[in-house]
Amino acid sequence: TSVQGVITASKVLRYSSNIGMAKIGLELGARVFHDYLRKLGFGERTSVPVSESRGILRPARDWSEVDIMSTAFGQSISVTCLQMAQAYLTLLNNGVYKPLRLLRDNGAVQETYQRVFNERVCKQVMEMMRDVVEAKDGTGRRARIEGVEVGGKTGTAQKADHRTGEYGAKRTASFAGFVPAGQPRYLIFVMVDEPTRNQYGGVVAAAAFRDIAARALTWNGTLGAVETAEKKEEARPAARGRQRGLKISREDIPYMAENSDVPASSGMRLPGHLSRASSKVPDVKGKSVRYAVELFARAGIVPEIKGSGTRVVKQSPQPGTPWPEEGKAASYILWLSEK
């Protein structure tokens, strides 16, 4: 029971209910709860070679009932961003703990992995985290990205005052998210230290996650490969109610590469970097950032993105300018806006 009444475990995450998390913590008990936290790497430094704290995780024997409840919703414990990322990575690896690594290349690393969670349970929790973002009443709604499902969890934490030894008025806002929600490829953790205008992770950090994730998906062509809204409507029976999806105008659809082995009638379209480039710099003002980046990628150019939003409002150099000769560097900039 909480301020929302009696709610399911799924809605505990969706609403970020402290009371619900406290009850789950009490069900686990101090020793089991503490054992999970230790297996996830809390209280220990990660394997990433940076200056990092161990955080604070007191022995289970020192926990009172109040400690169990407060730890369940993020107090009575101190963790780092890397530790949080490590814990979420374990969840996305279907419950198998794999140490974080900072790699200089794609060389294989020999390690021994440990299972922490049951795979079925991980799938259930990931589905709950999808609802945090995709459900109309989820706290992570601002992390939504048109055309791809997102999973995540908001976080708002009080900062301890070292002078008084108590929690003060300052906060940190965070959001841990993964895309695509069904088969995660990216895990992104955003933490904003002492936000000024709004202190909640669902408002401040979730929006930052959305921008970072959208650009990452644009670079690798994931958003470019999503079917158009028209194709989706033709392929499925009419559904009741309004459904959210990627809406792309005809002019925003990437061209098929010439001499491609993919038949045009298949409905599949290649990412921009596999398509033939135009002879001169295209006019992308008013176009979506995804479409604009794909056009530039065809010519082997990665433009610099400035501002925030989904539409290009200004570009440099001007449309019609010849691409640079091979071996010569040039600067290409796209300015974005929400309007």
C-alpha atoms as a PDB file:
ATOM      1  CA  THR A   1       0.000   0.000   0.000  1.00  0.00           C
ATOM      2  CA  SER A   2       1.286   3.493  -0.937  1.00  0.00           C
ATOM      3  CA  VAL A   3      -0.142   6.903  -1.777  1.00  0.00           C
ATOM      4  CA  GLN A   4      -1.398   5.247  -4.995  1.00  0.00           C
ATOM      5  CA  GLY A   5      -3.146   2.526  -2.989  1.00  0.00           C
ATOM      6  CA  VAL A   6      -2.310  -1.151  -3.479  1.00  0.00           C
ATOM      7  CA  ILE A   7      -0.037  -1.461  -6.533  1.00  0.00           C
ATOM      8  CA  THR A   8       1.852  -4.279  -8.281  1.00  0.00           C
ATOM      9  CA  ALA A   9       5.639  -4.661  -8.301  1.00  0.00           C
ATOM     10  CA  SER A  10       5.625  -3.411 -11.897  1.00  0.00           C
ATOM     11  CA  LYS A  11       3.978  -0.162 -10.855  1.00  0.00           C
ATOM     12  CA  VAL A  12       6.394   0.224  -7.944  1.00  0.00           C
ATOM     13  CA  LEU A  13       9.089   0.805 -10.563  1.00  0.00           C
ATOM     14  CA  ARG A  14       6.844   2.755 -12.918  1.00  0.00           C
ATOM     15  CA  TYR A  15       5.833   5.231 -10.217  1.00  0.00           C
ATOM     16  CA  SER A  16       9.208   5.115  -8.410  1.00  0.00           C
ATOM     17  CA  SER A  17       7.411   4.323  -5.147  1.00  0.00           C
ATOM     18  CA  ASN A  18       9.647   4.511  -2.067  1.00  0.00           C
ATOM     19  CA  ILE A  19       7.031   2.712   0.032  1.00  0.00           C
ATOM     20  CA  GLY A  20       6.808  -0.104  -2.477  1.00  0.00           C
ATOM     21  CA  MET A  21      10.583  -0.510  -2.637  1.00  0.00           C
ATOM     22  CA  ALA A  22      10.792  -0.509   1.163  1.00  0.00           C
ATOM     23  CA  LYS A  23       8.283  -3.378   1.333  1.00  0.00           C
ATOM     24  CA  ILE A  24      10.260  -5.359  -1.262  1.00  0.00           C
ATOM     25  CA  GLY A  25      13.431  -4.786   0.774  1.00  0.00           C
ATOM     26  CA  LEU A  26      11.752  -6.098   3.907  1.00  0.00           C
ATOM     27  CA  GLU A  27      10.583  -9.195   2.017  1.00  0.00           C
ATOM     28  CA  LEU A  28      14.199  -9.927   1.017  1.00  0.00           C
ATOM     29  CA  GLY A  29      15.646  -9.383   4.467  1.00  0.00           C
ATOM     30  CA  ALA A  30      19.006  -7.869   5.393  1.00  0.00           C
ATOM     31  CA  ARG A  31      21.314 -10.782   4.545  1.00  0.00           C
ATOM     32  CA  VAL A  32      19.786 -11.705   1.175  1.00  0.00           C
ATOM     33  CA  PHE A  33      19.493  -8.057   0.137  1.00  0.00           C
ATOM     34  CA  HIS A  34      23.070  -7.309   1.195  1.00  0.00           C
ATOM     35  CA  ASP A  35      24.350 -10.416  -0.608  1.00  0.00           C
ATOM     36  CA  TYR A  36      22.789  -9.257  -3.894  1.00  0.00           C
ATOM     37  CA  LEU A  37      24.341  -5.804  -3.526  1.00  0.00           C
ATOM     38  CA  ARG A  38      27.792  -7.320  -2.918  1.00  0.00           C
ATOM     39  CA  LYS A  39      27.481  -9.617  -5.941  1.00  0.00           C
ATOM     40  CA  LEU A  40      26.599  -6.601  -8.096  1.00  0.00           C
ATOM     41  CA  GLY A  41      29.824  -4.886  -7.041  1.00  0.00           C
ATOM     42  CA  PHE A  42      28.573  -2.277  -4.591  1.00  0.00           C
ATOM     43  CA  GLY A  43      31.071  -1.469  -1.862  1.00  0.00           C
ATOM     44  CA  GLU A  44      33.999  -2.338  -4.169  1.00  0.00           C
ATOM     45  CA  ARG A  45      35.824  -0.469  -6.901  1.00  0.00           C
ATOM     46  CA  THR A  46      35.053  -1.507 -10.478  1.00  0.00           C
ATOM     47  CA  SER A  47      37.678  -2.766 -12.922  1.00  0.00           C
ATOM     48  CA  VAL A  48      37.740   0.542 -14.818  1.00  0.00           C
ATOM     49  CA  PRO A  49      41.129   2.264 -14.245  1.00  0.00           C
ATOM     50  CA  VAL A  50      39.864   5.655 -13.089  1.00  0.00           C
ATOM     51  CA  SER A  51      39.874   7.465  -9.786  1.00  0.00           C
ATOM     52  CA  GLU A  52      36.904   5.897  -8.043  1.00  0.00           C
ATOM     53  CA  SER A  53      35.445   5.461  -4.573  1.00  0.00           C
ATOM     54  CA  ARG A  54      34.334   2.165  -3.075  1.00  0.00           C
ATOM     55  CA  GLY A  55      31.136   3.812  -1.967  1.00  0.00           C
ATOM     56  CA  ILE A  56      29.498   2.895   1.327  1.00  0.00           C
ATOM     57  CA  LEU A  57      27.879  -0.479   1.986  1.00  0.00           C
ATOM     58  CA  ARG A  58      27.763  -1.343   5.678  1.00  0.00           C
ATOM     59  CA  PRO A  59      27.782  -4.998   6.854  1.00  0.00           C
ATOM     60  CA  ALA A  60      24.366  -6.681   6.967  1.00  0.00           C
ATOM     61  CA  ARG A  61      24.759  -7.360  10.696  1.00  0.00           C
ATOM     62  CA  ASP A  62      24.642  -3.589  11.308  1.00  0.00           C
ATOM     63  CA  TRP A  63      21.384  -3.075   9.406  1.00  0.00           C
ATOM     64  CA  SER A  64      18.224  -2.230  11.307  1.00  0.00           C
ATOM     65  CA  GLU A  65      14.774  -2.608   9.800  1.00  0.00           C
ATOM     66  CA  VAL A  66      14.875   1.093   8.926  1.00  0.00           C
ATOM     67  CA  ASP A  67      18.205   0.551   7.112  1.00  0.00           C
ATOM     68  CA  ILE A  68      16.678  -2.212   4.994  1.00  0.00           C
ATOM     69  CA  MET A  69      13.798   0.035   3.935  1.00  0.00           C
ATOM     70  CA  SER A  70      15.913   3.110   3.242  1.00  0.00           C
ATOM     71  CA  THR A  71      18.566   1.148   1.331  1.00  0.00           C
ATOM     72  CA  ALA A  72      15.829  -0.284  -0.876  1.00  0.00           C
ATOM     73  CA  PHE A  73      14.992   3.197  -2.192  1.00  0.00           C
ATOM     74  CA  GLY A  74      18.560   4.562  -2.210  1.00  0.00           C
ATOM     75  CA  GLN A  75      19.439   5.939   1.229  1.00  0.00           C
ATOM     76  CA  SER A  76      21.788   4.490   3.878  1.00  0.00           C
ATOM     77  CA  ILE A  77      24.065   3.527   0.973  1.00  0.00           C
ATOM     78  CA  SER A  78      26.518   5.421  -1.231  1.00  0.00           C
ATOM     79  CA  VAL A  79      27.359   4.298  -4.778  1.00  0.00           C
ATOM     80  CA  THR A  80      29.256   5.607  -7.810  1.00  0.00           C
ATOM     81  CA  CYS A  81      28.028   6.044 -11.388  1.00  0.00           C
ATOM     82  CA  LEU A  82      30.258   3.187 -12.519  1.00  0.00           C
ATOM     83  CA  GLN A  83      28.835   0.879  -9.851  1.00  0.00           C
ATOM     84  CA  MET A  84      25.316   1.719 -10.984  1.00  0.00           C
ATOM     85  CA  ALA A  85      26.247   1.060 -14.608  1.00  0.00           C
ATOM     86  CA  GLN A  86      27.807  -2.255 -13.549  1.00  0.00           C
ATOM     87  CA  ALA A  87      24.597  -3.314 -11.788  1.00  0.00           C
ATOM     88  CA  TYR A  88      22.372  -2.436 -14.748  1.00  0.00           C
ATOM     89  CA  LEU A  89      24.783  -4.197 -17.095  1.00  0.00           C
ATOM     90  CA  THR A  90      24.311  -7.383 -15.042  1.00  0.00           C
ATOM     91  CA  LEU A  91      20.560  -7.089 -15.496  1.00  0.00           C
ATOM     92  CA  LEU A  92      20.889  -6.587 -19.273  1.00  0.00           C
ATOM     93  CA  ASN A  93      23.272  -9.563 -19.494  1.00  0.00           C
ATOM     94  CA  ASN A  94      20.364 -11.735 -18.318  1.00  0.00           C
ATOM     95  CA  GLY A  95      21.633 -11.828 -14.760  1.00  0.00           C
ATOM     96  CA  VAL A  96      25.309 -12.613 -15.450  1.00  0.00           C
ATOM     97  CA  TYR A  97      27.870 -10.324 -13.816  1.00  0.00           C
ATOM     98  CA  LYS A  98      30.544  -9.178 -16.262  1.00  0.00           C
ATOM     99  CA  PRO A  99      33.128  -6.658 -15.010  1.00  0.00           C
ATOM    100  CA  LEU A 100      33.191  -3.284 -16.729  1.00  0.00           C
ATOM    101  CA  ARG A 101      36.107  -2.799 -19.094  1.00  0.00           C
ATOM    102  CA  LEU A 102      37.638   0.262 -20.729  1.00  0.00           C
ATOM    103  CA  LEU A 103      38.928  -1.124 -24.036  1.00  0.00           C
ATOM    104  CA  ARG A 104      41.401   0.360 -26.478  1.00  0.00           C
ATOM    105  CA  ASP A 105      40.517  -2.216 -29.139  1.00  0.00           C
ATOM    106  CA  ASN A 106      38.255  -5.204 -29.672  1.00  0.00           C
ATOM    107  CA  GLY A 107      40.675  -7.725 -28.237  1.00  0.00           C
ATOM    108  CA  ALA A 108      39.185 -10.612 -26.280  1.00  0.00           C
ATOM    109  CA  VAL A 109      39.424 -10.579 -22.485  1.00  0.00           C
ATOM    110  CA  GLN A 110      39.487 -13.859 -20.583  1.00  0.00           C
ATOM    111  CA  GLU A 111      37.251 -13.605 -17.516  1.00  0.00           C
ATOM    112  CA  THR A 112      35.150 -15.721 -15.225  1.00  0.00           C
ATOM    113  CA  TYR A 113      31.517 -14.620 -15.118  1.00  0.00           C
ATOM    114  CA  GLN A 114      29.082 -15.128 -12.241  1.00  0.00           C
ATOM    115  CA  ARG A 115      25.318 -15.524 -12.419  1.00  0.00           C
ATOM    116  CA  VAL A 116      23.534 -13.220  -9.983  1.00  0.00           C
ATOM    117  CA  PHE A 117      19.912 -13.282 -11.144  1.00  0.00           C
ATOM    118  CA  ASN A 118      17.603 -15.775 -12.804  1.00  0.00           C
ATOM    119  CA  GLU A 119      17.211 -15.027 -16.543  1.00  0.00           C
ATOM    120  CA  ARG A 120      13.419 -15.125 -16.350  1.00  0.00           C
ATOM    121  CA  VAL A 121      13.416 -12.574 -13.542  1.00  0.00           C
ATOM    122  CA  CYS A 122      15.721 -10.285 -15.540  1.00  0.00           C
ATOM    123  CA  LYS A 123      13.311 -10.336 -18.479  1.00  0.00           C
ATOM    124  CA  GLN A 124      10.442  -9.433 -16.164  1.00  0.00           C
ATOM    125  CA  VAL A 125      12.348  -6.513 -14.618  1.00  0.00           C
ATOM    126  CA  MET A 126      13.445  -5.255 -18.052  1.00  0.00           C
ATOM    127  CA  GLU A 127       9.791  -5.285 -19.125  1.00  0.00           C
ATOM    128  CA  MET A 128       8.910  -3.290 -16.011  1.00  0.00           C
ATOM    129  CA  MET A 129      11.632  -0.782 -16.900  1.00  0.00           C
ATOM    130  CA  ARG A 130      10.214  -0.519 -20.406  1.00  0.00           C
ATOM    131  CA  ASP A 131       6.920   0.550 -18.829  1.00  0.00           C
ATOM    132  CA  VAL A 132       8.750   3.212 -16.804  1.00  0.00           C
ATOM    133  CA  VAL A 133       9.407   4.969 -20.126  1.00  0.00           C
ATOM    134  CA  GLU A 134       6.732   3.762 -22.532  1.00  0.00           C
ATOM    135  CA  ALA A 135       3.661   3.715 -20.261  1.00  0.00           C
ATOM    136  CA  LYS A 136       1.679   6.949 -20.305  1.00  0.00           C
ATOM    137  CA  ASP A 137       2.004   7.273 -16.510  1.00  0.00           C
ATOM    138  CA  GLY A 138       5.669   6.235 -16.196  1.00  0.00           C
ATOM    139  CA  THR A 139       8.173   8.532 -14.479  1.00  0.00           C
ATOM    140  CA  GLY A 140      10.642   8.178 -17.374  1.00  0.00           C
ATOM    141  CA  ARG A 141       8.359   9.454 -20.170  1.00  0.00           C
ATOM    142  CA  ARG A 142      10.869  12.128 -21.207  1.00  0.00           C
ATOM    143  CA  ALA A 143      13.322   9.408 -22.270  1.00  0.00           C
ATOM    144  CA  ARG A 144      11.088   8.246 -25.128  1.00  0.00           C
ATOM    145  CA  ILE A 145      12.555   8.086 -28.628  1.00  0.00           C
ATOM    146  CA  GLU A 146      10.217   7.906 -31.597  1.00  0.00           C
ATOM    147  CA  GLY A 147      10.639   4.679 -33.538  1.00  0.00           C
ATOM    148  CA  VAL A 148      12.360   2.580 -30.866  1.00  0.00           C
ATOM    149  CA  GLU A 149      11.297   1.296 -27.450  1.00  0.00           C
ATOM    150  CA  VAL A 150      13.313   2.419 -24.434  1.00  0.00           C
ATOM    151  CA  GLY A 151      13.676   0.926 -20.963  1.00  0.00           C
ATOM    152  CA  GLY A 152      15.038   2.732 -17.932  1.00  0.00           C
ATOM    153  CA  LYS A 153      14.758   3.923 -14.363  1.00  0.00           C
ATOM    154  CA  THR A 154      14.758   7.391 -12.880  1.00  0.00           C
ATOM    155  CA  GLY A 155      16.671   8.332  -9.758  1.00  0.00           C
ATOM    156  CA  THR A 156      16.611  11.283  -7.362  1.00  0.00           C
ATOM    157  CA  ALA A 157      18.990  11.129  -4.405  1.00  0.00           C
ATOM    158  CA  GLN A 158      19.664  13.384  -1.441  1.00  0.00           C
ATOM    159  CA  LYS A 159      23.294  14.346  -0.862  1.00  0.00           C
ATOM    160  CA  ALA A 160      24.811  13.911   2.574  1.00  0.00           C
ATOM    161  CA  ASP A 161      26.139  17.002   4.335  1.00  0.00           C
ATOM    162  CA  HIS A 162      29.633  16.092   5.541  1.00  0.00           C
ATOM    163  CA  ARG A 163      29.558  18.797   8.208  1.00  0.00           C
ATOM    164  CA  THR A 164      26.378  17.635   9.922  1.00  0.00           C
ATOM    165  CA  GLY A 165      26.476  13.968   8.972  1.00  0.00           C
ATOM    166  CA  GLU A 166      22.876  14.182   7.794  1.00  0.00           C
ATOM    167  CA  TYR A 167      21.110  14.469   4.443  1.00  0.00           C
ATOM    168  CA  GLY A 168      20.976  18.049   3.208  1.00  0.00           C
ATOM    169  CA  ALA A 169      18.887  19.984   0.721  1.00  0.00           C
ATOM    170  CA  LYS A 170      21.082  19.233  -2.329  1.00  0.00           C
ATOM    171  CA  ARG A 171      20.190  16.478  -4.795  1.00  0.00           C
ATOM    172  CA  THR A 172      21.499  14.391  -7.672  1.00  0.00           C
ATOM    173  CA  ALA A 173      19.217  13.419 -10.532  1.00  0.00           C
ATOM    174  CA  SER A 174      19.891  10.314 -12.610  1.00  0.00           C
ATOM    175  CA  PHE A 175      18.516   8.112 -15.335  1.00  0.00           C
ATOM    176  CA  ALA A 176      19.729   4.662 -16.372  1.00  0.00           C
ATOM    177  CA  GLY A 177      18.371   3.603 -19.743  1.00  0.00           C
ATOM    178  CA  PHE A 178      18.840   1.000 -22.456  1.00  0.00           C
ATOM    179  CA  VAL A 179      17.863   0.752 -26.129  1.00  0.00           C
ATOM    180  CA  PRO A 180      16.308  -1.036 -27.873  1.00  0.00           C
ATOM    181  CA  ALA A 181      14.278  -2.261 -24.897  1.00  0.00           C
ATOM    182  CA  GLY A 182      13.720  -5.771 -26.291  1.00  0.00           C
ATOM    183  CA  GLN A 183      17.335  -6.448 -27.303  1.00  0.00           C
ATOM    184  CA  PRO A 184      19.526  -3.858 -25.573  1.00  0.00           C
ATOM    185  CA  ARG A 185      22.498  -2.584 -27.543  1.00  0.00           C
ATOM    186  CA  TYR A 186      23.298   0.538 -25.534  1.00  0.00           C
ATOM    187  CA  LEU A 187      23.261   1.147 -21.787  1.00  0.00           C
ATOM    188  CA  ILE A 188      23.536   4.827 -20.876  1.00  0.00           C
ATOM    189  CA  PHE A 189      23.699   6.194 -17.336  1.00  0.00           C
ATOM    190  CA  VAL A 190      23.218   9.937 -16.836  1.00  0.00           C
ATOM    191  CA  MET A 191      23.792  11.675 -13.515  1.00  0.00           C
ATOM    192  CA  VAL A 192      23.251  15.407 -12.976  1.00  0.00           C
ATOM    193  CA  ASP A 193      24.927  16.779  -9.860  1.00  0.00           C
ATOM    194  CA  GLU A 194      22.885  19.399  -8.010  1.00  0.00           C
ATOM    195  CA  PRO A 195      20.421  20.343 -10.774  1.00  0.00           C
ATOM    196  CA  THR A 196      19.061  23.846 -10.356  1.00  0.00           C
ATOM    197  CA  ARG A 197      15.739  24.153 -12.197  1.00  0.00           C
ATOM    198  CA  ASN A 198      14.359  20.711 -11.405  1.00  0.00           C
ATOM    199  CA  GLN A 199      15.738  18.053  -9.076  1.00  0.00           C
ATOM    200  CA  TYR A 200      14.001  14.951 -10.459  1.00  0.00           C
ATOM    201  CA  GLY A 201      15.802  12.380 -12.593  1.00  0.00           C
ATOM    202  CA  GLY A 202      12.706  11.791 -14.710  1.00  0.00           C
ATOM    203  CA  VAL A 203      12.797  15.419 -15.820  1.00  0.00           C
ATOM    204  CA  VAL A 204      16.469  16.394 -15.953  1.00  0.00           C
ATOM    205  CA  ALA A 205      18.480  13.229 -16.624  1.00  0.00           C
ATOM    206  CA  ALA A 206      15.900  11.400 -18.758  1.00  0.00           C
ATOM    207  CA  ALA A 207      15.896  14.208 -21.319  1.00  0.00           C
ATOM    208  CA  ALA A 208      19.697  14.100 -21.526  1.00  0.00           C
ATOM    209  CA  PHE A 209      19.559  10.330 -21.999  1.00  0.00           C
ATOM    210  CA  ARG A 210      17.080  10.737 -24.856  1.00  0.00           C
ATOM    211  CA  ASP A 211      19.399  13.107 -26.743  1.00  0.00           C
ATOM    212  CA  ILE A 212      22.488  10.926 -26.250  1.00  0.00           C
ATOM    213  CA  ALA A 213      20.717   7.686 -27.165  1.00  0.00           C
ATOM    214  CA  ALA A 214      18.996   9.176 -30.225  1.00  0.00           C
ATOM    215  CA  ARG A 215      22.309  10.362 -31.628  1.00  0.00           C
ATOM    216  CA  ALA A 216      23.982   7.012 -30.942  1.00  0.00           C
ATOM    217  CA  LEU A 217      21.187   5.207 -32.757  1.00  0.00           C
ATOM    218  CA  THR A 218      21.417   7.665 -35.625  1.00  0.00           C
ATOM    219  CA  TRP A 219      25.150   7.131 -36.069  1.00  0.00           C
ATOM    220  CA  ASN A 220      24.831   3.354 -36.333  1.00  0.00           C
ATOM    221  CA  GLY A 221      21.832   3.476 -38.649  1.00  0.00           C
ATOM    222  CA  THR A 222      19.331   1.892 -36.245  1.00  0.00           C
ATOM    223  CA  LEU A 223      16.786   4.680 -36.519  1.00  0.00           C
ATOM    224  CA  GLY A 224      17.325   4.840 -40.285  1.00  0.00           C
ATOM    225  CA  ALA A 225      16.333   1.186 -40.620  1.00  0.00           C
ATOM    226  CA  VAL A 226      12.977   1.591 -38.871  1.00  0.00           C
ATOM    227  CA  GLU A 227       9.997   1.101 -41.150  1.00  0.00           C
ATOM    228  CA  THR A 228       7.859   4.089 -42.007  1.00  0.00           C
ATOM    229  CA  ALA A 229       4.545   4.635 -40.277  1.00  0.00           C
ATOM    230  CA  GLU A 230       2.743   4.023 -43.579  1.00  0.00           C
ATOM    231  CA  LYS A 231       4.363   0.600 -43.999  1.00  0.00           C
ATOM    232  CA  LYS A 232       3.455  -0.369 -40.435  1.00  0.00           C
ATOM    233  CA  GLU A 233      -0.183   0.601 -40.928  1.00  0.00           C
ATOM    234  CA  GLU A 234      -0.376  -1.418 -44.158  1.00  0.00           C
ATOM    235  CA  ALA A 235       1.159  -4.505 -42.522  1.00  0.00           C
ATOM    236  CA  ARG A 236      -1.044  -4.704 -39.417  1.00  0.00           C
ATOM    237  CA  PRO A 237      -4.789  -4.716 -38.793  1.00  0.00           C
ATOM    238  CA  ALA A 238      -6.407  -1.576 -37.483  1.00  0.00           C
ATOM    239  CA  ALA A 239      -5.888  -1.170 -33.746  1.00  0.00           C
ATOM    240  CA  ARG A 240      -8.086   0.591 -31.255  1.00  0.00           C
ATOM    241  CA  GLY A 241      -6.819   3.830 -29.834  1.00  0.00           C
ATOM    242  CA  ARG A 242      -3.892   5.929 -30.892  1.00  0.00           C
ATOM    243  CA  GLN A 243      -0.491   4.253 -31.043  1.00  0.00           C
ATOM    244  CA  ARG A 244       2.831   6.064 -30.911  1.00  0.00           C
ATOM    245  CA  GLY A 245       5.370   5.318 -33.606  1.00  0.00           C
ATOM    246  CA  LEU A 246       8.011   6.816 -35.861  1.00  0.00           C
ATOM    247  CA  LYS A 247       6.380   9.203 -38.317  1.00  0.00           C
ATOM    248  CA  ILE A 248       8.536   9.837 -41.357  1.00  0.00           C
ATOM    249  CA  SER A 249       7.565  11.922 -44.346  1.00  0.00           C
ATOM    250  CA  ARG A 250       8.243  10.488 -47.787  1.00  0.00           C
ATOM    251  CA  GLU A 251      11.086  12.922 -48.334  1.00  0.00           C
ATOM    252  CA  ASP A 252      12.764  11.750 -45.124  1.00  0.00           C
ATOM    253  CA  ILE A 253      13.081   8.146 -46.315  1.00  0.00           C
ATOM    254  CA  PRO A 254      16.708   7.245 -47.220  1.00  0.00           C
ATOM    255  CA  TYR A 255      17.286   6.347 -50.855  1.00  0.00           C
ATOM    256  CA  MET A 256      18.142   2.788 -51.830  1.00  0.00           C
ATOM    257  CA  ALA A 257      21.739   2.273 -52.821  1.00  0.00           C
ATOM    258  CA  GLU A 258      22.202   1.646 -56.545  1.00  0.00           C
ATOM    259  CA  ASN A 259      23.198  -1.904 -57.490  1.00  0.00           C
ATOM    260  CA  SER A 260      21.917  -3.070 -54.114  1.00  0.00           C
ATOM    261  CA  ASP A 261      21.091  -6.746 -53.608  1.00  0.00           C
ATOM    262  CA  VAL A 262      18.034  -5.740 -51.583  1.00  0.00           C
ATOM    263  CA  PRO A 263      14.913  -5.564 -53.792  1.00  0.00           C
ATOM    264  CA  ALA A 264      13.076  -2.260 -53.593  1.00  0.00           C
ATOM    265  CA  SER A 265       9.770  -4.104 -53.088  1.00  0.00           C
ATOM    266  CA  SER A 266      10.983  -5.751 -49.886  1.00  0.00           C
ATOM    267  CA  GLY A 267      10.309  -2.685 -47.767  1.00  0.00           C
ATOM    268  CA  MET A 268      13.903  -2.792 -46.458  1.00  0.00           C
ATOM    269  CA  ARG A 269      16.098   0.270 -46.828  1.00  0.00           C
ATOM    270  CA  LEU A 270      19.795   0.511 -46.298  1.00  0.00           C
ATOM    271  CA  PRO A 271      21.310   2.912 -43.764  1.00  0.00           C
ATOM    272  CA  GLY A 272      22.599   6.133 -45.296  1.00  0.00           C
ATOM    273  CA  HIS A 273      26.274   5.197 -45.067  1.00  0.00           C
ATOM    274  CA  LEU A 274      25.636   2.310 -47.527  1.00  0.00           C
ATOM    275  CA  SER A 275      23.886   4.487 -50.105  1.00  0.00           C
ATOM    276  CA  ARG A 276      25.387   6.514 -52.936  1.00  0.00           C
ATOM    277  CA  ALA A 277      26.261  10.134 -52.110  1.00  0.00           C
ATOM    278  CA  SER A 278      25.033  13.151 -54.036  1.00  0.00           C
ATOM    279  CA  SER A 279      27.641  15.134 -55.965  1.00  0.00           C
ATOM    280  CA  LYS A 280      27.271  18.237 -53.777  1.00  0.00           C
ATOM    281  CA  VAL A 281      26.323  19.144 -50.219  1.00  0.00           C
ATOM    282  CA  PRO A 282      22.549  18.530 -49.915  1.00  0.00           C
ATOM    283  CA  ASP A 283      20.031  20.951 -48.493  1.00  0.00           C
ATOM    284  CA  VAL A 284      18.947  19.437 -45.160  1.00  0.00           C
ATOM    285  CA  LYS A 285      17.363  22.476 -43.510  1.00  0.00           C
ATOM    286  CA  GLY A 286      14.000  21.489 -42.089  1.00  0.00           C
ATOM    287  CA  LYS A 287      14.855  17.791 -42.303  1.00  0.00           C
ATOM    288  CA  SER A 288      15.162  15.348 -39.400  1.00  0.00           C
ATOM    289  CA  VAL A 289      18.620  14.950 -37.900  1.00  0.00           C
ATOM    290  CA  ARG A 290      18.547  11.238 -38.727  1.00  0.00           C
ATOM    291  CA  TYR A 291      17.879  11.884 -42.401  1.00  0.00           C
ATOM    292  CA  ALA A 292      20.469  14.700 -42.548  1.00  0.00           C
ATOM    293  CA  VAL A 293      23.239  12.632 -40.971  1.00  0.00           C
ATOM    294  CA  GLU A 294      22.542   9.761 -43.366  1.00  0.00           C
ATOM    295  CA  LEU A 295      22.900  12.049 -46.389  1.00  0.00           C
ATOM    296  CA  PHE A 296      26.263  13.295 -45.141  1.00  0.00           C
ATOM    297  CA  ALA A 297      27.344   9.758 -44.221  1.00  0.00           C
ATOM    298  CA  ARG A 298      26.930   8.672 -47.831  1.00  0.00           C
ATOM    299  CA  ALA A 299      29.798  11.003 -48.728  1.00  0.00           C
ATOM    300  CA  GLY A 300      31.924   9.736 -45.817  1.00  0.00           C
ATOM    301  CA  ILE A 301      31.294  12.905 -43.803  1.00  0.00           C
ATOM    302  CA  VAL A 302      30.367  12.948 -40.104  1.00  0.00           C
ATOM    303  CA  PRO A 303      28.938  16.428 -39.428  1.00  0.00           C
ATOM    304  CA  GLU A 304      29.310  18.226 -36.123  1.00  0.00           C
ATOM    305  CA  ILE A 305      25.973  18.557 -34.331  1.00  0.00           C
ATOM    306  CA  LYS A 306      25.198  21.714 -32.355  1.00  0.00           C
ATOM    307  CA  GLY A 307      22.138  22.553 -30.302  1.00  0.00           C
ATOM    308  CA  SER A 308      19.399  20.116 -29.303  1.00  0.00           C
ATOM    309  CA  GLY A 309      16.277  18.937 -31.049  1.00  0.00           C
ATOM    310  CA  THR A 310      15.195  16.756 -33.934  1.00  0.00           C
ATOM    311  CA  ARG A 311      15.205  19.152 -36.905  1.00  0.00           C
ATOM    312  CA  VAL A 312      18.038  20.926 -38.738  1.00  0.00           C
ATOM    313  CA  VAL A 313      17.559  24.714 -38.771  1.00  0.00           C
ATOM    314  CA  LYS A 314      20.938  25.769 -40.163  1.00  0.00           C
ATOM    315  CA  GLN A 315      23.879  24.149 -41.920  1.00  0.00           C
ATOM    316  CA  SER A 316      27.423  24.973 -42.935  1.00  0.00           C
ATOM    317  CA  PRO A 317      28.661  25.006 -45.646  1.00  0.00           C
ATOM    318  CA  GLN A 318      25.676  26.039 -47.735  1.00  0.00           C
ATOM    319  CA  PRO A 319      23.774  23.548 -49.931  1.00  0.00           C
ATOM    320  CA  GLY A 320      25.289  23.036 -53.381  1.00  0.00           C
ATOM    321  CA  THR A 321      28.875  23.333 -52.160  1.00  0.00           C
ATOM    322  CA  PRO A 322      31.112  20.602 -53.635  1.00  0.00           C
ATOM    323  CA  TRP A 323      32.314  17.891 -51.267  1.00  0.00           C
ATOM    324  CA  PRO A 324      36.005  18.202 -50.276  1.00  0.00           C
ATOM    325  CA  GLU A 325      38.590  16.504 -52.435  1.00  0.00           C
ATOM    326  CA  GLU A 326      39.894  13.211 -51.057  1.00  0.00           C
ATOM    327  CA  GLY A 327      42.518  13.742 -48.377  1.00  0.00           C
ATOM    328  CA  LYS A 328      41.425  17.325 -47.613  1.00  0.00           C
ATOM    329  CA  ALA A 329      39.756  18.109 -44.293  1.00  0.00           C
ATOM    330  CA  ALA A 330      36.640  20.242 -44.051  1.00  0.00           C
ATOM    331  CA  SER A 331      34.229  21.223 -41.305  1.00  0.00           C
ATOM    332  CA  TYR A 332      30.515  20.456 -41.642  1.00  0.00           C
ATOM    333  CA  ILE A 333      28.094  21.684 -38.990  1.00  0.00           C
ATOM    334  CA  LEU A 334      24.366  21.091 -38.450  1.00  0.00           C
ATOM    335  CA  TRP A 335      22.420  23.215 -35.978  1.00  0.00           C
ATOM    336  CA  LEU A 336      19.331  21.624 -34.427  1.00  0.00           C
ATOM    337  CA  SER A 337      16.110  22.845 -32.869  1.00  0.00           C
ATOM    338  CA  GLU A 338      12.901  21.286 -31.545  1.00  0.00           C
ATOM    339  CA  LYS A 339      10.830  23.553 -33.802  1.00  0.00           C
END
